[in-house]
Amino acid sequence: MKARAIHRHARVAPRKVRLVADLVRGMPVTRALEILACTRKGAAPMLTRVINSAVANATTKGDVDVDQLLVSKITVDQGPMLKRYLPRAMGRATMIQKKTSHILVVVESNPH
């Protein structure tokens, strides 16, 4: 059985989240949460919350053993950018792009 959770408009750049997502993709949920607890990246608490939400969705869908769940899929897509301007020399301005991410986590029960 599959369950999923989505965190939309996360205020961190997608390429930073993908570094952390690649660490835990395909792992059992308990092992993935242990790795995220020791990871010193800003995206690790966000991914922990999304994985915990997906596990909660799986347990409410049916009778599922949490120890048998795998993180089968994690995708990190780019969300809308917040555009800000920074004043520069000679009356010019440069645009600052504050990127956002859409994080999708799918957990499924281990077939073994």
N, C-alpha and C. Protein backbone atom coordinates (compact mmCIF):
# COMPACT_ATOMS: atom_id res chain seq x y z
N MET A 1 0.83 -1.17 0.00
CA MET A 1 0.00 0.00 0.00
C MET A 1 0.89 1.25 0.00
N LYS A 2 0.48 2.24 -0.78
CA LYS A 2 1.24 3.48 -0.89
C LYS A 2 0.52 4.60 -0.16
N ALA A 3 1.31 5.50 0.39
CA ALA A 3 0.79 6.72 0.99
C ALA A 3 1.77 7.82 0.65
N ARG A 4 1.26 9.05 0.53
CA ARG A 4 2.13 10.15 0.16
C ARG A 4 1.84 11.38 0.98
N ALA A 5 2.81 12.29 0.97
CA ALA A 5 2.67 13.58 1.64
C ALA A 5 3.41 14.61 0.80
N ILE A 6 2.89 15.83 0.78
CA ILE A 6 3.46 16.89 -0.03
C ILE A 6 3.68 18.13 0.85
N HIS A 7 4.85 18.72 0.72
CA HIS A 7 5.11 20.02 1.34
C HIS A 7 5.33 21.00 0.19
N ARG A 8 4.40 21.89 0.03
CA ARG A 8 4.49 22.84 -1.07
C ARG A 8 4.98 24.19 -0.54
N HIS A 9 5.65 24.92 -1.40
CA HIS A 9 6.16 26.26 -1.11
C HIS A 9 7.15 26.27 0.06
N ALA A 10 7.99 25.25 0.16
CA ALA A 10 9.02 25.23 1.19
C ALA A 10 10.06 26.29 0.85
N ARG A 11 10.42 27.12 1.81
CA ARG A 11 11.30 28.25 1.54
C ARG A 11 12.77 27.86 1.57
N VAL A 12 13.13 26.94 0.69
CA VAL A 12 14.52 26.54 0.52
C VAL A 12 14.68 26.16 -0.95
N ALA A 13 15.85 26.40 -1.50
CA ALA A 13 16.08 26.12 -2.91
C ALA A 13 16.02 24.61 -3.18
N PRO A 14 15.46 24.20 -4.31
CA PRO A 14 15.31 22.77 -4.58
C PRO A 14 16.63 22.02 -4.66
N ARG A 15 17.67 22.66 -5.15
CA ARG A 15 18.91 21.91 -5.28
C ARG A 15 19.52 21.61 -3.92
N LYS A 16 19.20 22.42 -2.91
CA LYS A 16 19.67 22.13 -1.56
C LYS A 16 18.88 20.98 -0.94
N VAL A 17 17.59 20.90 -1.25
CA VAL A 17 16.77 19.82 -0.71
C VAL A 17 17.13 18.50 -1.38
N ARG A 18 17.46 18.55 -2.68
CA ARG A 18 17.79 17.32 -3.40
C ARG A 18 19.02 16.64 -2.85
N LEU A 19 19.97 17.42 -2.32
CA LEU A 19 21.16 16.82 -1.71
C LEU A 19 20.77 15.92 -0.54
N VAL A 20 19.82 16.37 0.26
CA VAL A 20 19.40 15.60 1.42
C VAL A 20 18.45 14.47 0.99
N ALA A 21 17.61 14.73 0.00
CA ALA A 21 16.65 13.70 -0.46
C ALA A 21 17.38 12.50 -1.05
N ASP A 22 18.51 12.74 -1.70
CA ASP A 22 19.26 11.63 -2.29
C ASP A 22 19.85 10.70 -1.23
N LEU A 23 20.03 11.20 0.00
CA LEU A 23 20.58 10.37 1.07
C LEU A 23 19.61 9.28 1.51
N VAL A 24 18.30 9.58 1.47
CA VAL A 24 17.33 8.67 2.09
C VAL A 24 16.39 7.98 1.09
N ARG A 25 16.52 8.27 -0.17
CA ARG A 25 15.63 7.66 -1.17
C ARG A 25 15.85 6.15 -1.23
N GLY A 26 14.76 5.39 -1.14
CA GLY A 26 14.83 3.93 -1.23
C GLY A 26 15.13 3.22 0.07
N MET A 27 15.25 3.94 1.17
CA MET A 27 15.58 3.32 2.46
C MET A 27 14.33 3.00 3.26
N PRO A 28 14.45 2.12 4.25
CA PRO A 28 13.36 1.96 5.20
C PRO A 28 13.14 3.26 5.98
N VAL A 29 11.91 3.49 6.38
CA VAL A 29 11.55 4.76 7.02
C VAL A 29 12.33 4.98 8.31
N THR A 30 12.48 3.97 9.12
CA THR A 30 13.18 4.14 10.39
C THR A 30 14.64 4.52 10.16
N ARG A 31 15.28 3.90 9.20
CA ARG A 31 16.68 4.22 8.89
C ARG A 31 16.79 5.63 8.30
N ALA A 32 15.84 6.00 7.44
CA ALA A 32 15.85 7.33 6.83
C ALA A 32 15.72 8.42 7.89
N LEU A 33 14.84 8.20 8.87
CA LEU A 33 14.67 9.20 9.93
C LEU A 33 15.91 9.31 10.81
N GLU A 34 16.62 8.18 11.02
CA GLU A 34 17.87 8.23 11.78
C GLU A 34 18.93 9.04 11.05
N ILE A 35 19.02 8.84 9.75
CA ILE A 35 20.01 9.57 8.96
C ILE A 35 19.68 11.06 8.94
N LEU A 36 18.40 11.38 8.79
CA LEU A 36 18.02 12.80 8.76
C LEU A 36 18.25 13.48 10.11
N ALA A 37 18.13 12.72 11.20
CA ALA A 37 18.36 13.31 12.52
C ALA A 37 19.83 13.70 12.69
N CYS A 38 20.73 13.02 12.00
CA CYS A 38 22.16 13.31 12.12
C CYS A 38 22.68 14.21 11.01
N THR A 39 21.84 14.56 10.05
CA THR A 39 22.27 15.38 8.92
C THR A 39 22.21 16.86 9.30
N ARG A 40 23.31 17.56 9.08
CA ARG A 40 23.38 18.98 9.44
C ARG A 40 23.11 19.85 8.22
N LYS A 41 21.95 19.72 7.66
CA LYS A 41 21.51 20.57 6.55
C LYS A 41 20.16 21.15 6.93
N GLY A 42 19.87 22.33 6.41
CA GLY A 42 18.63 23.00 6.75
C GLY A 42 17.39 22.28 6.23
N ALA A 43 17.55 21.48 5.19
CA ALA A 43 16.41 20.78 4.61
C ALA A 43 16.07 19.49 5.36
N ALA A 44 16.94 19.03 6.23
CA ALA A 44 16.70 17.77 6.94
C ALA A 44 15.46 17.80 7.83
N PRO A 45 15.22 18.86 8.63
CA PRO A 45 13.98 18.88 9.41
C PRO A 45 12.72 18.93 8.55
N MET A 46 12.79 19.60 7.40
CA MET A 46 11.63 19.63 6.49
C MET A 46 11.32 18.24 5.97
N LEU A 47 12.35 17.52 5.52
CA LEU A 47 12.13 16.18 5.01
C LEU A 47 11.65 15.24 6.10
N THR A 48 12.14 15.42 7.32
CA THR A 48 11.68 14.60 8.43
C THR A 48 10.19 14.78 8.66
N ARG A 49 9.73 16.04 8.62
CA ARG A 49 8.31 16.31 8.82
C ARG A 49 7.47 15.70 7.70
N VAL A 50 7.95 15.77 6.46
CA VAL A 50 7.17 15.24 5.34
C VAL A 50 7.12 13.71 5.40
N ILE A 51 8.24 13.07 5.76
CA ILE A 51 8.24 11.61 5.88
C ILE A 51 7.33 11.17 7.01
N ASN A 52 7.38 11.87 8.15
CA ASN A 52 6.48 11.54 9.26
C ASN A 52 5.01 11.71 8.87
N SER A 53 4.73 12.70 8.06
CA SER A 53 3.36 12.91 7.59
C SER A 53 2.92 11.79 6.67
N ALA A 54 3.82 11.33 5.80
CA ALA A 54 3.49 10.23 4.90
C ALA A 54 3.25 8.93 5.69
N VAL A 55 4.05 8.73 6.74
CA VAL A 55 3.86 7.54 7.59
C VAL A 55 2.51 7.62 8.30
N ALA A 56 2.16 8.81 8.79
CA ALA A 56 0.86 8.98 9.44
C ALA A 56 -0.27 8.74 8.46
N ASN A 57 -0.12 9.19 7.22
CA ASN A 57 -1.14 8.94 6.21
C ASN A 57 -1.28 7.45 5.92
N ALA A 58 -0.16 6.73 5.93
CA ALA A 58 -0.21 5.28 5.70
C ALA A 58 -0.91 4.55 6.83
N THR A 59 -0.67 5.00 8.06
CA THR A 59 -1.29 4.30 9.19
C THR A 59 -2.79 4.59 9.27
N THR A 60 -3.22 5.76 8.81
CA THR A 60 -4.65 6.02 8.84
C THR A 60 -5.39 5.35 7.69
N LYS A 61 -4.66 5.06 6.60
CA LYS A 61 -5.29 4.37 5.46
C LYS A 61 -5.64 2.92 5.80
N GLY A 62 -4.77 2.28 6.54
CA GLY A 62 -5.01 0.88 6.85
C GLY A 62 -4.07 0.40 7.93
N ASP A 63 -4.15 -0.89 8.23
CA ASP A 63 -3.31 -1.48 9.26
C ASP A 63 -1.93 -1.77 8.65
N VAL A 64 -0.97 -0.89 8.94
CA VAL A 64 0.36 -0.98 8.34
C VAL A 64 1.39 -1.01 9.45
N ASP A 65 2.39 -1.88 9.30
CA ASP A 65 3.51 -1.91 10.23
C ASP A 65 4.52 -0.85 9.80
N VAL A 66 4.82 0.08 10.68
CA VAL A 66 5.70 1.19 10.35
C VAL A 66 7.11 0.69 10.03
N ASP A 67 7.52 -0.42 10.66
CA ASP A 67 8.86 -0.94 10.42
C ASP A 67 9.02 -1.53 9.03
N GLN A 68 7.91 -1.82 8.36
CA GLN A 68 7.97 -2.40 7.01
C GLN A 68 7.84 -1.36 5.90
N LEU A 69 7.74 -0.07 6.25
CA LEU A 69 7.56 0.96 5.23
C LEU A 69 8.90 1.39 4.64
N LEU A 70 8.89 1.63 3.34
CA LEU A 70 10.06 2.13 2.61
C LEU A 70 9.76 3.51 2.05
N VAL A 71 10.78 4.35 1.98
CA VAL A 71 10.66 5.62 1.28
C VAL A 71 10.88 5.29 -0.20
N SER A 72 9.79 5.05 -0.92
CA SER A 72 9.94 4.58 -2.29
C SER A 72 10.23 5.69 -3.28
N LYS A 73 9.75 6.90 -2.99
CA LYS A 73 9.93 7.98 -3.95
C LYS A 73 10.00 9.32 -3.22
N ILE A 74 10.99 10.12 -3.58
CA ILE A 74 11.08 11.50 -3.11
C ILE A 74 11.38 12.34 -4.34
N THR A 75 10.51 13.29 -4.62
CA THR A 75 10.79 14.23 -5.70
C THR A 75 10.78 15.64 -5.14
N VAL A 76 11.69 16.44 -5.65
CA VAL A 76 11.79 17.84 -5.23
C VAL A 76 11.71 18.68 -6.49
N ASP A 77 10.62 19.41 -6.64
CA ASP A 77 10.41 20.27 -7.79
C ASP A 77 10.49 21.72 -7.35
N GLN A 78 10.73 22.59 -8.33
CA GLN A 78 10.82 24.01 -8.01
C GLN A 78 9.44 24.63 -7.97
N GLY A 79 9.21 25.42 -6.93
CA GLY A 79 7.97 26.16 -6.80
C GLY A 79 8.15 27.58 -7.33
N PRO A 80 7.21 28.44 -7.05
CA PRO A 80 7.32 29.83 -7.52
C PRO A 80 8.45 30.57 -6.80
N MET A 81 9.06 31.51 -7.52
CA MET A 81 10.14 32.30 -6.94
C MET A 81 9.61 33.61 -6.40
N LEU A 82 10.12 34.01 -5.26
CA LEU A 82 9.85 35.34 -4.74
C LEU A 82 10.91 36.27 -5.32
N LYS A 83 10.49 37.32 -5.97
CA LYS A 83 11.44 38.21 -6.63
C LYS A 83 11.60 39.49 -5.80
N ARG A 84 12.82 39.73 -5.41
CA ARG A 84 13.16 40.91 -4.62
C ARG A 84 14.26 41.67 -5.35
N TYR A 85 14.40 42.95 -5.04
CA TYR A 85 15.40 43.77 -5.71
C TYR A 85 16.36 44.36 -4.70
N LEU A 86 17.63 44.43 -5.10
CA LEU A 86 18.70 44.93 -4.25
C LEU A 86 19.29 46.15 -4.93
N PRO A 87 19.37 47.29 -4.26
CA PRO A 87 19.95 48.48 -4.90
C PRO A 87 21.45 48.29 -5.14
N ARG A 88 21.89 48.79 -6.30
CA ARG A 88 23.31 48.69 -6.67
C ARG A 88 23.83 50.08 -7.02
N ALA A 89 25.02 50.14 -7.49
CA ALA A 89 25.66 51.41 -7.80
C ALA A 89 25.02 52.10 -9.00
N MET A 90 25.14 53.40 -9.05
CA MET A 90 24.68 54.25 -10.16
C MET A 90 23.19 54.10 -10.44
N GLY A 91 22.39 53.92 -9.39
CA GLY A 91 20.93 53.89 -9.55
C GLY A 91 20.38 52.60 -10.13
N ARG A 92 21.18 51.59 -10.25
CA ARG A 92 20.71 50.32 -10.79
C ARG A 92 20.16 49.44 -9.67
N ALA A 93 19.51 48.35 -10.08
CA ALA A 93 19.01 47.37 -9.12
C ALA A 93 19.20 45.99 -9.72
N THR A 94 19.52 45.02 -8.87
CA THR A 94 19.62 43.64 -9.34
C THR A 94 18.54 42.82 -8.65
N MET A 95 18.05 41.82 -9.39
CA MET A 95 16.97 40.99 -8.86
C MET A 95 17.54 39.84 -8.04
N ILE A 96 16.95 39.61 -6.91
CA ILE A 96 17.28 38.46 -6.06
C ILE A 96 16.12 37.49 -6.18
N GLN A 97 16.42 36.24 -6.53
CA GLN A 97 15.38 35.22 -6.68
C GLN A 97 15.41 34.31 -5.45
N LYS A 98 14.35 34.38 -4.65
CA LYS A 98 14.24 33.52 -3.48
C LYS A 98 13.41 32.32 -3.90
N LYS A 99 14.08 31.18 -4.04
CA LYS A 99 13.44 30.01 -4.63
C LYS A 99 12.66 29.22 -3.58
N THR A 100 11.62 28.53 -4.03
CA THR A 100 10.83 27.66 -3.18
C THR A 100 10.80 26.26 -3.78
N SER A 101 10.41 25.29 -2.97
CA SER A 101 10.41 23.89 -3.39
C SER A 101 9.07 23.24 -3.11
N HIS A 102 8.74 22.25 -3.92
CA HIS A 102 7.62 21.36 -3.67
C HIS A 102 8.22 19.98 -3.41
N ILE A 103 8.01 19.45 -2.21
CA ILE A 103 8.60 18.17 -1.81
C ILE A 103 7.49 17.12 -1.76
N LEU A 104 7.65 16.03 -2.50
CA LEU A 104 6.69 14.92 -2.51
C LEU A 104 7.39 13.67 -2.00
N VAL A 105 6.82 13.03 -1.00
CA VAL A 105 7.36 11.79 -0.44
C VAL A 105 6.30 10.72 -0.55
N VAL A 106 6.68 9.56 -1.10
CA VAL A 106 5.78 8.41 -1.20
C VAL A 106 6.41 7.27 -0.41
N VAL A 107 5.66 6.72 0.53
CA VAL A 107 6.10 5.54 1.27
C VAL A 107 5.20 4.38 0.90
N GLU A 108 5.80 3.19 0.84
CA GLU A 108 5.00 2.00 0.56
C GLU A 108 5.51 0.85 1.40
N SER A 109 4.63 -0.12 1.60
CA SER A 109 5.00 -1.26 2.43
C SER A 109 5.96 -2.15 1.67
N ASN A 110 6.91 -2.68 2.39
CA ASN A 110 7.95 -3.53 1.82
C ASN A 110 7.34 -4.86 1.40
N PRO A 111 7.53 -5.29 0.15
CA PRO A 111 6.93 -6.56 -0.29
C PRO A 111 7.57 -7.80 0.30
N HIS A 112 8.71 -7.68 0.97
CA HIS A 112 9.42 -8.85 1.52
C HIS A 112 8.72 -9.39 2.73
